[in-house]
Amino acid sequence: MAKCDVIQGYYFSKPLPPEEFNALIEKDIEVRKELKEKEEQAR
């Protein structure tokens, strides 16, 4: 958090280089798509 005097930390991940961040986001998108498809099939 910018200008945070009380608490700081990594909520989701340590700082990542842009390539690793992009890979993390792409993986998250794929997982969410798979979960959505499974939910739709269960209906």
PDB file of N, CA and C in Angstrom:
ATOM      1  N   MET A   1       0.851  -1.186   0.000  1.00  0.00           N
ATOM      2  CA  MET A   1       0.000   0.000   0.000  1.00  0.00           C
ATOM      3  C   MET A   1       0.891   1.240   0.000  1.00  0.00           C
ATOM      4  N   ALA A   2       0.548   2.154  -0.755  1.00  0.00           N
ATOM      5  CA  ALA A   2       1.304   3.396  -0.805  1.00  0.00           C
ATOM      6  C   ALA A   2       1.047   4.216   0.454  1.00  0.00           C
ATOM      7  N   LYS A   3       2.093   4.764   0.988  1.00  0.00           N
ATOM      8  CA  LYS A   3       2.000   5.645   2.155  1.00  0.00           C
ATOM      9  C   LYS A   3       1.285   4.992   3.322  1.00  0.00           C
ATOM     10  N   CYS A   4       1.547   3.746   3.556  1.00  0.00           N
ATOM     11  CA  CYS A   4       0.908   3.030   4.659  1.00  0.00           C
ATOM     12  C   CYS A   4       1.840   3.023   5.853  1.00  0.00           C
ATOM     13  N   ASP A   5       1.409   3.608   6.945  1.00  0.00           N
ATOM     14  CA  ASP A   5       2.235   3.696   8.143  1.00  0.00           C
ATOM     15  C   ASP A   5       1.885   2.635   9.180  1.00  0.00           C
ATOM     16  N   VAL A   6       0.842   1.859   8.941  1.00  0.00           N
ATOM     17  CA  VAL A   6       0.369   0.922   9.948  1.00  0.00           C
ATOM     18  C   VAL A   6       0.745  -0.515   9.623  1.00  0.00           C
ATOM     19  N   ILE A   7       0.456  -0.974   8.411  1.00  0.00           N
ATOM     20  CA  ILE A   7       0.682  -2.366   8.074  1.00  0.00           C
ATOM     21  C   ILE A   7       1.017  -2.487   6.585  1.00  0.00           C
ATOM     22  N   GLN A   8       1.901  -3.387   6.295  1.00  0.00           N
ATOM     23  CA  GLN A   8       2.229  -3.679   4.910  1.00  0.00           C
ATOM     24  C   GLN A   8       2.459  -5.176   4.787  1.00  0.00           C
ATOM     25  N   GLY A   9       2.340  -5.681   3.588  1.00  0.00           N
ATOM     26  CA  GLY A   9       2.571  -7.104   3.368  1.00  0.00           C
ATOM     27  C   GLY A   9       2.102  -7.499   1.993  1.00  0.00           C
ATOM     28  N   TYR A  10       2.214  -8.775   1.714  1.00  0.00           N
ATOM     29  CA  TYR A  10       1.817  -9.305   0.419  1.00  0.00           C
ATOM     30  C   TYR A  10       0.532 -10.081   0.607  1.00  0.00           C
ATOM     31  N   TYR A  11      -0.544  -9.567   0.071  1.00  0.00           N
ATOM     32  CA  TYR A  11      -1.841 -10.228   0.238  1.00  0.00           C
ATOM     33  C   TYR A  11      -1.966 -11.431  -0.679  1.00  0.00           C
ATOM     34  N   PHE A  12      -1.537 -11.300  -1.921  1.00  0.00           N
ATOM     35  CA  PHE A  12      -1.672 -12.381  -2.893  1.00  0.00           C
ATOM     36  C   PHE A  12      -0.341 -13.003  -3.270  1.00  0.00           C
ATOM     37  N   SER A  13       0.695 -12.198  -3.377  1.00  0.00           N
ATOM     38  CA  SER A  13       1.951 -12.690  -3.915  1.00  0.00           C
ATOM     39  C   SER A  13       3.069 -11.717  -3.573  1.00  0.00           C
ATOM     40  N   LYS A  14       4.276 -12.239  -3.560  1.00  0.00           N
ATOM     41  CA  LYS A  14       5.439 -11.356  -3.452  1.00  0.00           C
ATOM     42  C   LYS A  14       5.520 -10.536  -4.739  1.00  0.00           C
ATOM     43  N   PRO A  15       6.280  -9.460  -4.760  1.00  0.00           N
ATOM     44  CA  PRO A  15       6.429  -8.711  -6.008  1.00  0.00           C
ATOM     45  C   PRO A  15       6.984  -9.621  -7.110  1.00  0.00           C
ATOM     46  N   LEU A  16       6.419  -9.509  -8.299  1.00  0.00           N
ATOM     47  CA  LEU A  16       6.807 -10.362  -9.418  1.00  0.00           C
ATOM     48  C   LEU A  16       7.264  -9.535 -10.609  1.00  0.00           C
ATOM     49  N   PRO A  17       8.176 -10.096 -11.400  1.00  0.00           N
ATOM     50  CA  PRO A  17       8.502  -9.458 -12.673  1.00  0.00           C
ATOM     51  C   PRO A  17       7.258  -9.494 -13.572  1.00  0.00           C
ATOM     52  N   PRO A  18       7.171  -8.584 -14.528  1.00  0.00           N
ATOM     53  CA  PRO A  18       5.971  -8.520 -15.382  1.00  0.00           C
ATOM     54  C   PRO A  18       5.610  -9.841 -16.049  1.00  0.00           C
ATOM     55  N   GLU A  19       6.604 -10.603 -16.502  1.00  0.00           N
ATOM     56  CA  GLU A  19       6.309 -11.867 -17.186  1.00  0.00           C
ATOM     57  C   GLU A  19       5.635 -12.863 -16.241  1.00  0.00           C
ATOM     58  N   GLU A  20       6.130 -12.937 -15.027  1.00  0.00           N
ATOM     59  CA  GLU A  20       5.535 -13.863 -14.049  1.00  0.00           C
ATOM     60  C   GLU A  20       4.147 -13.394 -13.628  1.00  0.00           C
ATOM     61  N   PHE A  21       3.965 -12.080 -13.509  1.00  0.00           N
ATOM     62  CA  PHE A  21       2.653 -11.544 -13.162  1.00  0.00           C
ATOM     63  C   PHE A  21       1.642 -11.891 -14.242  1.00  0.00           C
ATOM     64  N   ASN A  22       2.026 -11.698 -15.505  1.00  0.00           N
ATOM     65  CA  ASN A  22       1.132 -12.036 -16.610  1.00  0.00           C
ATOM     66  C   ASN A  22       0.777 -13.511 -16.599  1.00  0.00           C
ATOM     67  N   ALA A  23       1.743 -14.375 -16.340  1.00  0.00           N
ATOM     68  CA  ALA A  23       1.480 -15.815 -16.279  1.00  0.00           C
ATOM     69  C   ALA A  23       0.509 -16.134 -15.145  1.00  0.00           C
ATOM     70  N   LEU A  24       0.675 -15.467 -14.016  1.00  0.00           N
ATOM     71  CA  LEU A  24      -0.216 -15.681 -12.871  1.00  0.00           C
ATOM     72  C   LEU A  24      -1.650 -15.284 -13.230  1.00  0.00           C
ATOM     73  N   ILE A  25      -1.812 -14.148 -13.882  1.00  0.00           N
ATOM     74  CA  ILE A  25      -3.139 -13.683 -14.266  1.00  0.00           C
ATOM     75  C   ILE A  25      -3.759 -14.614 -15.309  1.00  0.00           C
ATOM     76  N   GLU A  26      -2.968 -15.028 -16.287  1.00  0.00           N
ATOM     77  CA  GLU A  26      -3.482 -15.944 -17.315  1.00  0.00           C
ATOM     78  C   GLU A  26      -3.928 -17.261 -16.701  1.00  0.00           C
ATOM     79  N   LYS A  27      -3.171 -17.777 -15.750  1.00  0.00           N
ATOM     80  CA  LYS A  27      -3.545 -19.025 -15.072  1.00  0.00           C
ATOM     81  C   LYS A  27      -4.854 -18.832 -14.309  1.00  0.00           C
ATOM     82  N   ASP A  28      -4.987 -17.700 -13.637  1.00  0.00           N
ATOM     83  CA  ASP A  28      -6.211 -17.416 -12.894  1.00  0.00           C
ATOM     84  C   ASP A  28      -7.416 -17.373 -13.830  1.00  0.00           C
ATOM     85  N   ILE A  29      -7.250 -16.756 -14.984  1.00  0.00           N
ATOM     86  CA  ILE A  29      -8.336 -16.678 -15.958  1.00  0.00           C
ATOM     87  C   ILE A  29      -8.740 -18.076 -16.411  1.00  0.00           C
ATOM     88  N   GLU A  30      -7.757 -18.924 -16.689  1.00  0.00           N
ATOM     89  CA  GLU A  30      -8.050 -20.296 -17.127  1.00  0.00           C
ATOM     90  C   GLU A  30      -8.791 -21.073 -16.039  1.00  0.00           C
ATOM     91  N   VAL A  31      -8.344 -20.949 -14.805  1.00  0.00           N
ATOM     92  CA  VAL A  31      -8.989 -21.670 -13.695  1.00  0.00           C
ATOM     93  C   VAL A  31     -10.431 -21.198 -13.540  1.00  0.00           C
ATOM     94  N   ARG A  32     -10.648 -19.902 -13.632  1.00  0.00           N
ATOM     95  CA  ARG A  32     -12.010 -19.375 -13.504  1.00  0.00           C
ATOM     96  C   ARG A  32     -12.912 -19.873 -14.626  1.00  0.00           C
ATOM     97  N   LYS A  33     -12.376 -19.945 -15.849  1.00  0.00           N
ATOM     98  CA  LYS A  33     -13.153 -20.476 -16.971  1.00  0.00           C
ATOM     99  C   LYS A  33     -13.542 -21.927 -16.721  1.00  0.00           C
ATOM    100  N   GLU A  34     -12.578 -22.725 -16.245  1.00  0.00           N
ATOM    101  CA  GLU A  34     -12.856 -24.134 -15.965  1.00  0.00           C
ATOM    102  C   GLU A  34     -13.913 -24.279 -14.883  1.00  0.00           C
ATOM    103  N   LEU A  35     -13.823 -23.491 -13.836  1.00  0.00           N
ATOM    104  CA  LEU A  35     -14.817 -23.556 -12.764  1.00  0.00           C
ATOM    105  C   LEU A  35     -16.198 -23.162 -13.268  1.00  0.00           C
ATOM    106  N   LYS A  36     -16.260 -22.129 -14.090  1.00  0.00           N
ATOM    107  CA  LYS A  36     -17.546 -21.687 -14.637  1.00  0.00           C
ATOM    108  C   LYS A  36     -18.159 -22.786 -15.504  1.00  0.00           C
ATOM    109  N   GLU A  37     -17.342 -23.442 -16.334  1.00  0.00           N
ATOM    110  CA  GLU A  37     -17.839 -24.517 -17.180  1.00  0.00           C
ATOM    111  C   GLU A  37     -18.369 -25.678 -16.327  1.00  0.00           C
ATOM    112  N   LYS A  38     -17.662 -26.025 -15.268  1.00  0.00           N
ATOM    113  CA  LYS A  38     -18.110 -27.118 -14.395  1.00  0.00           C
ATOM    114  C   LYS A  38     -19.415 -26.763 -13.705  1.00  0.00           C
ATOM    115  N   GLU A  39     -19.556 -25.499 -13.271  1.00  0.00           N
ATOM    116  CA  GLU A  39     -20.802 -25.066 -12.639  1.00  0.00           C
ATOM    117  C   GLU A  39     -21.954 -25.140 -13.618  1.00  0.00           C
ATOM    118  N   GLU A  40     -21.710 -24.721 -14.850  1.00  0.00           N
ATOM    119  CA  GLU A  40     -22.771 -24.764 -15.862  1.00  0.00           C
ATOM    120  C   GLU A  40     -23.168 -26.196 -16.197  1.00  0.00           C
ATOM    121  N   GLN A  41     -22.214 -27.105 -16.227  1.00  0.00           N
ATOM    122  CA  GLN A  41     -22.519 -28.509 -16.514  1.00  0.00           C
ATOM    123  C   GLN A  41     -23.294 -29.155 -15.376  1.00  0.00           C
ATOM    124  N   ALA A  42     -23.079 -28.683 -14.164  1.00  0.00           N
ATOM    125  CA  ALA A  42     -23.754 -29.254 -13.017  1.00  0.00           C
ATOM    126  C   ALA A  42     -25.228 -28.848 -12.945  1.00  0.00           C
ATOM    127  N   ARG A  43     -25.607 -27.860 -13.691  1.00  0.00           N
ATOM    128  CA  ARG A  43     -27.009 -27.394 -13.653  1.00  0.00           C
ATOM    129  C   ARG A  43     -27.914 -28.266 -14.443  1.00  0.00           C
TER     130      ARG A  43
END
